[in-house]
């Protein structure tokens, strides 16, 4: 999801997206730990999406949304 799409969401929706991404990150970590992770690039993708959501949440809190 791009940052422009995230900026159009409400804070509650962003919290929900962050929760879902955290769950996905956890399941990927478990797969990596058991050696079943097929695409290691998924870890990086999820981590970057979490950062994107957190950035938009911070922008909305401080009122610096562009």
PDB file of N, CA and C in Angstrom:
ATOM      1  N   UNK A   1       0.848  -1.169   0.000  1.00  0.00           N
ATOM      2  CA  UNK A   1       0.000   0.000   0.000  1.00  0.00           C
ATOM      3  C   UNK A   1       0.898   1.238   0.000  1.00  0.00           C
ATOM      4  N   UNK A   2       0.545   2.212  -0.830  1.00  0.00           N
ATOM      5  CA  UNK A   2       1.379   3.400  -0.928  1.00  0.00           C
ATOM      6  C   UNK A   2       1.018   4.403   0.176  1.00  0.00           C
ATOM      7  N   UNK A   3       1.918   5.351   0.377  1.00  0.00           N
ATOM      8  CA  UNK A   3       1.705   6.351   1.417  1.00  0.00           C
ATOM      9  C   UNK A   3       0.509   7.237   1.093  1.00  0.00           C
ATOM     10  N   UNK A   4       0.271   7.507  -0.188  1.00  0.00           N
ATOM     11  CA  UNK A   4      -0.875   8.348  -0.542  1.00  0.00           C
ATOM     12  C   UNK A   4      -2.190   7.641  -0.223  1.00  0.00           C
ATOM     13  N   UNK A   5      -2.239   6.330  -0.403  1.00  0.00           N
ATOM     14  CA  UNK A   5      -3.438   5.575  -0.033  1.00  0.00           C
ATOM     15  C   UNK A   5      -3.632   5.595   1.478  1.00  0.00           C
ATOM     16  N   UNK A   6      -2.531   5.480   2.209  1.00  0.00           N
ATOM     17  CA  UNK A   6      -2.615   5.465   3.666  1.00  0.00           C
ATOM     18  C   UNK A   6      -3.056   6.807   4.221  1.00  0.00           C
ATOM     19  N   UNK A   7      -2.640   7.888   3.572  1.00  0.00           N
ATOM     20  CA  UNK A   7      -3.012   9.220   4.061  1.00  0.00           C
ATOM     21  C   UNK A   7      -4.510   9.461   3.964  1.00  0.00           C
ATOM     22  N   UNK A   8      -5.190   8.734   3.097  1.00  0.00           N
ATOM     23  CA  UNK A   8      -6.635   8.877   2.958  1.00  0.00           C
ATOM     24  C   UNK A   8      -7.427   8.106   3.997  1.00  0.00           C
ATOM     25  N   UNK A   9      -6.759   7.336   4.821  1.00  0.00           N
ATOM     26  CA  UNK A   9      -7.444   6.520   5.823  1.00  0.00           C
ATOM     27  C   UNK A   9      -7.568   7.257   7.152  1.00  0.00           C
ATOM     28  N   UNK A  10      -8.539   6.816   7.929  1.00  0.00           N
ATOM     29  CA  UNK A  10      -8.752   7.368   9.263  1.00  0.00           C
ATOM     30  C   UNK A  10      -7.776   6.713  10.238  1.00  0.00           C
ATOM     31  N   UNK A  11      -7.523   7.357  11.381  1.00  0.00           N
ATOM     32  CA  UNK A  11      -6.590   6.786  12.366  1.00  0.00           C
ATOM     33  C   UNK A  11      -6.966   5.374  12.815  1.00  0.00           C
ATOM     34  N   UNK A  12      -8.247   5.088  12.963  1.00  0.00           N
ATOM     35  CA  UNK A  12      -8.666   3.744  13.378  1.00  0.00           C
ATOM     36  C   UNK A  12      -8.321   2.710  12.307  1.00  0.00           C
ATOM     37  N   UNK A  13      -8.471   3.099  11.053  1.00  0.00           N
ATOM     38  CA  UNK A  13      -8.132   2.190   9.958  1.00  0.00           C
ATOM     39  C   UNK A  13      -6.631   1.941   9.911  1.00  0.00           C
ATOM     40  N   UNK A  14      -5.846   2.974  10.215  1.00  0.00           N
ATOM     41  CA  UNK A  14      -4.388   2.818  10.242  1.00  0.00           C
ATOM     42  C   UNK A  14      -3.964   1.885  11.374  1.00  0.00           C
ATOM     43  N   UNK A  15      -4.622   2.009  12.520  1.00  0.00           N
ATOM     44  CA  UNK A  15      -4.327   1.111  13.639  1.00  0.00           C
ATOM     45  C   UNK A  15      -4.613  -0.336  13.252  1.00  0.00           C
ATOM     46  N   UNK A  16      -5.728  -0.538  12.554  1.00  0.00           N
ATOM     47  CA  UNK A  16      -6.102  -1.884  12.113  1.00  0.00           C
ATOM     48  C   UNK A  16      -5.078  -2.429  11.114  1.00  0.00           C
ATOM     49  N   UNK A  17      -4.641  -1.587  10.185  1.00  0.00           N
ATOM     50  CA  UNK A  17      -3.643  -2.008   9.200  1.00  0.00           C
ATOM     51  C   UNK A  17      -2.329  -2.358   9.888  1.00  0.00           C
ATOM     52  N   UNK A  18      -1.956  -1.562  10.881  1.00  0.00           N
ATOM     53  CA  UNK A  18      -0.719  -1.823  11.613  1.00  0.00           C
ATOM     54  C   UNK A  18      -0.798  -3.148  12.360  1.00  0.00           C
ATOM     55  N   UNK A  19      -1.938  -3.421  12.965  1.00  0.00           N
ATOM     56  CA  UNK A  19      -2.132  -4.682  13.679  1.00  0.00           C
ATOM     57  C   UNK A  19      -2.014  -5.876  12.729  1.00  0.00           C
ATOM     58  N   UNK A  20      -2.636  -5.767  11.568  1.00  0.00           N
ATOM     59  CA  UNK A  20      -2.570  -6.854  10.581  1.00  0.00           C
ATOM     60  C   UNK A  20      -1.136  -7.065  10.095  1.00  0.00           C
ATOM     61  N   UNK A  21      -0.410  -5.976   9.873  1.00  0.00           N
ATOM     62  CA  UNK A  21       0.972  -6.098   9.421  1.00  0.00           C
ATOM     63  C   UNK A  21       1.854  -6.719  10.497  1.00  0.00           C
ATOM     64  N   UNK A  22       1.615  -6.375  11.745  1.00  0.00           N
ATOM     65  CA  UNK A  22       2.374  -6.978  12.845  1.00  0.00           C
ATOM     66  C   UNK A  22       2.122  -8.484  12.932  1.00  0.00           C
ATOM     67  N   UNK A  23       0.858  -8.878  12.722  1.00  0.00           N
ATOM     68  CA  UNK A  23       0.530 -10.306  12.731  1.00  0.00           C
ATOM     69  C   UNK A  23       1.238 -11.027  11.588  1.00  0.00           C
ATOM     70  N   UNK A  24       1.238 -10.381  10.415  1.00  0.00           N
ATOM     71  CA  UNK A  24       1.919 -10.978   9.263  1.00  0.00           C
ATOM     72  C   UNK A  24       3.414 -11.094   9.523  1.00  0.00           C
ATOM     73  N   UNK A  25       3.988 -10.058  10.136  1.00  0.00           N
ATOM     74  CA  UNK A  25       5.412 -10.079  10.455  1.00  0.00           C
ATOM     75  C   UNK A  25       5.724 -11.218  11.428  1.00  0.00           C
ATOM     76  N   UNK A  26       4.867 -11.413  12.409  1.00  0.00           N
ATOM     77  CA  UNK A  26       5.077 -12.491  13.371  1.00  0.00           C
ATOM     78  C   UNK A  26       5.040 -13.854  12.694  1.00  0.00           C
ATOM     79  N   UNK A  27       4.052 -14.058  11.826  1.00  0.00           N
ATOM     80  CA  UNK A  27       3.949 -15.361  11.165  1.00  0.00           C
ATOM     81  C   UNK A  27       5.145 -15.595  10.240  1.00  0.00           C
ATOM     82  N   UNK A  28       5.635 -14.547   9.589  1.00  0.00           N
ATOM     83  CA  UNK A  28       6.823 -14.688   8.746  1.00  0.00           C
ATOM     84  C   UNK A  28       8.052 -15.027   9.583  1.00  0.00           C
ATOM     85  N   UNK A  29       8.148 -14.430  10.771  1.00  0.00           N
ATOM     86  CA  UNK A  29       9.271 -14.745  11.657  1.00  0.00           C
ATOM     87  C   UNK A  29       9.229 -16.197  12.091  1.00  0.00           C
ATOM     88  N   UNK A  30       8.025 -16.707  12.348  1.00  0.00           N
ATOM     89  CA  UNK A  30       7.893 -18.107  12.740  1.00  0.00           C
ATOM     90  C   UNK A  30       8.276 -19.023  11.577  1.00  0.00           C
ATOM     91  N   UNK A  31       7.859 -18.672  10.381  1.00  0.00           N
ATOM     92  CA  UNK A  31       8.227 -19.471   9.212  1.00  0.00           C
ATOM     93  C   UNK A  31       9.738 -19.460   8.987  1.00  0.00           C
ATOM     94  N   UNK A  32      10.349 -18.295   9.186  1.00  0.00           N
ATOM     95  CA  UNK A  32      11.801 -18.208   9.017  1.00  0.00           C
ATOM     96  C   UNK A  32      12.508 -19.053  10.064  1.00  0.00           C
ATOM     97  N   UNK A  33      11.992 -19.052  11.263  1.00  0.00           N
ATOM     98  CA  UNK A  33      12.598 -19.826  12.347  1.00  0.00           C
ATOM     99  C   UNK A  33      12.546 -21.322  12.120  1.00  0.00           C
ATOM    100  N   UNK A  34      11.502 -21.770  11.453  1.00  0.00           N
ATOM    101  CA  UNK A  34      11.379 -23.207  11.177  1.00  0.00           C
ATOM    102  C   UNK A  34      11.968 -23.585   9.824  1.00  0.00           C
ATOM    103  N   UNK A  35      12.480 -22.612   9.096  1.00  0.00           N
ATOM    104  CA  UNK A  35      13.104 -22.885   7.808  1.00  0.00           C
ATOM    105  C   UNK A  35      12.122 -23.080   6.675  1.00  0.00           C
ATOM    106  N   UNK A  36      10.891 -22.601   6.830  1.00  0.00           N
ATOM    107  CA  UNK A  36       9.862 -22.802   5.812  1.00  0.00           C
ATOM    108  C   UNK A  36       9.560 -21.545   5.003  1.00  0.00           C
ATOM    109  N   UNK A  37      10.277 -20.463   5.257  1.00  0.00           N
ATOM    110  CA  UNK A  37      10.013 -19.209   4.554  1.00  0.00           C
ATOM    111  C   UNK A  37      10.533 -19.308   3.125  1.00  0.00           C
ATOM    112  N   UNK A  38       9.616 -19.264   2.160  1.00  0.00           N
ATOM    113  CA  UNK A  38       9.976 -19.455   0.755  1.00  0.00           C
ATOM    114  C   UNK A  38      10.606 -18.188   0.163  1.00  0.00           C
ATOM    115  N   UNK A  39      10.052 -17.015   0.510  1.00  0.00           N
ATOM    116  CA  UNK A  39      10.550 -15.759  -0.063  1.00  0.00           C
ATOM    117  C   UNK A  39      11.001 -14.830   1.059  1.00  0.00           C
ATOM    118  N   UNK A  40      12.282 -14.776   1.338  1.00  0.00           N
ATOM    119  CA  UNK A  40      12.782 -13.907   2.399  1.00  0.00           C
ATOM    120  C   UNK A  40      12.516 -12.420   2.148  1.00  0.00           C
ATOM    121  N   UNK A  41      12.255 -12.046   0.915  1.00  0.00           N
ATOM    122  CA  UNK A  41      11.983 -10.638   0.608  1.00  0.00           C
ATOM    123  C   UNK A  41      10.673 -10.171   1.237  1.00  0.00           C
ATOM    124  N   UNK A  42       9.807 -11.105   1.612  1.00  0.00           N
ATOM    125  CA  UNK A  42       8.556 -10.745   2.270  1.00  0.00           C
ATOM    126  C   UNK A  42       8.800 -10.051   3.608  1.00  0.00           C
ATOM    127  N   UNK A  43       9.860 -10.461   4.295  1.00  0.00           N
ATOM    128  CA  UNK A  43      10.197  -9.828   5.580  1.00  0.00           C
ATOM    129  C   UNK A  43      10.471  -8.339   5.372  1.00  0.00           C
ATOM    130  N   UNK A  44      11.235  -8.024   4.358  1.00  0.00           N
ATOM    131  CA  UNK A  44      11.581  -6.627   4.069  1.00  0.00           C
ATOM    132  C   UNK A  44      10.342  -5.839   3.659  1.00  0.00           C
ATOM    133  N   UNK A  45       9.486  -6.438   2.833  1.00  0.00           N
ATOM    134  CA  UNK A  45       8.276  -5.762   2.379  1.00  0.00           C
ATOM    135  C   UNK A  45       7.372  -5.387   3.554  1.00  0.00           C
ATOM    136  N   UNK A  46       7.172  -6.340   4.465  1.00  0.00           N
ATOM    137  CA  UNK A  46       6.296  -6.094   5.612  1.00  0.00           C
ATOM    138  C   UNK A  46       6.906  -5.039   6.535  1.00  0.00           C
ATOM    139  N   UNK A  47       8.210  -5.119   6.736  1.00  0.00           N
ATOM    140  CA  UNK A  47       8.871  -4.148   7.600  1.00  0.00           C
ATOM    141  C   UNK A  47       8.728  -2.731   7.037  1.00  0.00           C
ATOM    142  N   UNK A  48       8.858  -2.587   5.722  1.00  0.00           N
ATOM    143  CA  UNK A  48       8.723  -1.272   5.102  1.00  0.00           C
ATOM    144  C   UNK A  48       7.282  -0.774   5.153  1.00  0.00           C
ATOM    145  N   UNK A  49       6.329  -1.671   4.998  1.00  0.00           N
ATOM    146  CA  UNK A  49       4.929  -1.263   5.092  1.00  0.00           C
ATOM    147  C   UNK A  49       4.584  -0.798   6.501  1.00  0.00           C
ATOM    148  N   UNK A  50       5.129  -1.475   7.514  1.00  0.00           N
ATOM    149  CA  UNK A  50       4.912  -1.051   8.897  1.00  0.00           C
ATOM    150  C   UNK A  50       5.472   0.354   9.099  1.00  0.00           C
ATOM    151  N   UNK A  51       6.653   0.593   8.570  1.00  0.00           N
ATOM    152  CA  UNK A  51       7.267   1.918   8.696  1.00  0.00           C
ATOM    153  C   UNK A  51       6.415   2.973   8.001  1.00  0.00           C
ATOM    154  N   UNK A  52       5.855   2.633   6.843  1.00  0.00           N
ATOM    155  CA  UNK A  52       5.002   3.567   6.111  1.00  0.00           C
ATOM    156  C   UNK A  52       3.761   3.934   6.921  1.00  0.00           C
ATOM    157  N   UNK A  53       3.133   2.928   7.508  1.00  0.00           N
ATOM    158  CA  UNK A  53       1.925   3.172   8.302  1.00  0.00           C
ATOM    159  C   UNK A  53       2.262   4.035   9.513  1.00  0.00           C
ATOM    160  N   UNK A  54       3.358   3.721  10.183  1.00  0.00           N
ATOM    161  CA  UNK A  54       3.745   4.498  11.367  1.00  0.00           C
ATOM    162  C   UNK A  54       4.064   5.943  10.999  1.00  0.00           C
ATOM    163  N   UNK A  55       4.688   6.156   9.849  1.00  0.00           N
ATOM    164  CA  UNK A  55       5.018   7.506   9.405  1.00  0.00           C
ATOM    165  C   UNK A  55       3.752   8.314   9.164  1.00  0.00           C
ATOM    166  N   UNK A  56       2.777   7.722   8.492  1.00  0.00           N
ATOM    167  CA  UNK A  56       1.523   8.423   8.222  1.00  0.00           C
ATOM    168  C   UNK A  56       0.782   8.701   9.523  1.00  0.00           C
ATOM    169  N   UNK A  57       0.812   7.763  10.464  1.00  0.00           N
ATOM    170  CA  UNK A  57       0.157   7.983  11.753  1.00  0.00           C
ATOM    171  C   UNK A  57       0.795   9.162  12.474  1.00  0.00           C
ATOM    172  N   UNK A  58       2.110   9.252  12.455  1.00  0.00           N
ATOM    173  CA  UNK A  58       2.810  10.356  13.104  1.00  0.00           C
ATOM    174  C   UNK A  58       2.482  11.674  12.412  1.00  0.00           C
ATOM    175  N   UNK A  59       2.425  11.666  11.093  1.00  0.00           N
ATOM    176  CA  UNK A  59       2.061  12.881  10.345  1.00  0.00           C
ATOM    177  C   UNK A  59       0.677  13.368  10.739  1.00  0.00           C
ATOM    178  N   UNK A  60      -0.253  12.434  10.876  1.00  0.00           N
ATOM    179  CA  UNK A  60      -1.619  12.819  11.220  1.00  0.00           C
ATOM    180  C   UNK A  60      -1.701  13.355  12.640  1.00  0.00           C
ATOM    181  N   UNK A  61      -0.917  12.781  13.547  1.00  0.00           N
ATOM    182  CA  UNK A  61      -0.945  13.250  14.935  1.00  0.00           C
ATOM    183  C   UNK A  61      -0.382  14.668  15.059  1.00  0.00           C
ATOM    184  N   UNK A  62       0.681  14.942  14.321  1.00  0.00           N
ATOM    185  CA  UNK A  62       1.327  16.250  14.426  1.00  0.00           C
ATOM    186  C   UNK A  62       0.723  17.278  13.477  1.00  0.00           C
ATOM    187  N   UNK A  63      -0.111  16.820  12.530  1.00  0.00           N
ATOM    188  CA  UNK A  63      -0.737  17.745  11.597  1.00  0.00           C
ATOM    189  C   UNK A  63       0.158  18.142  10.449  1.00  0.00           C
ATOM    190  N   UNK A  64       1.189  17.376  10.191  1.00  0.00           N
ATOM    191  CA  UNK A  64       2.121  17.686   9.106  1.00  0.00           C
ATOM    192  C   UNK A  64       1.821  16.900   7.841  1.00  0.00           C
ATOM    193  N   UNK A  65       0.609  16.424   7.692  1.00  0.00           N
ATOM    194  CA  UNK A  65       0.279  15.612   6.511  1.00  0.00           C
ATOM    195  C   UNK A  65       0.381  16.466   5.264  1.00  0.00           C
ATOM    196  N   UNK A  66       1.036  15.914   4.263  1.00  0.00           N
ATOM    197  CA  UNK A  66       1.215  16.657   3.004  1.00  0.00           C
ATOM    198  C   UNK A  66       0.123  16.329   2.031  1.00  0.00           C
TER     199      UNK A  66
END
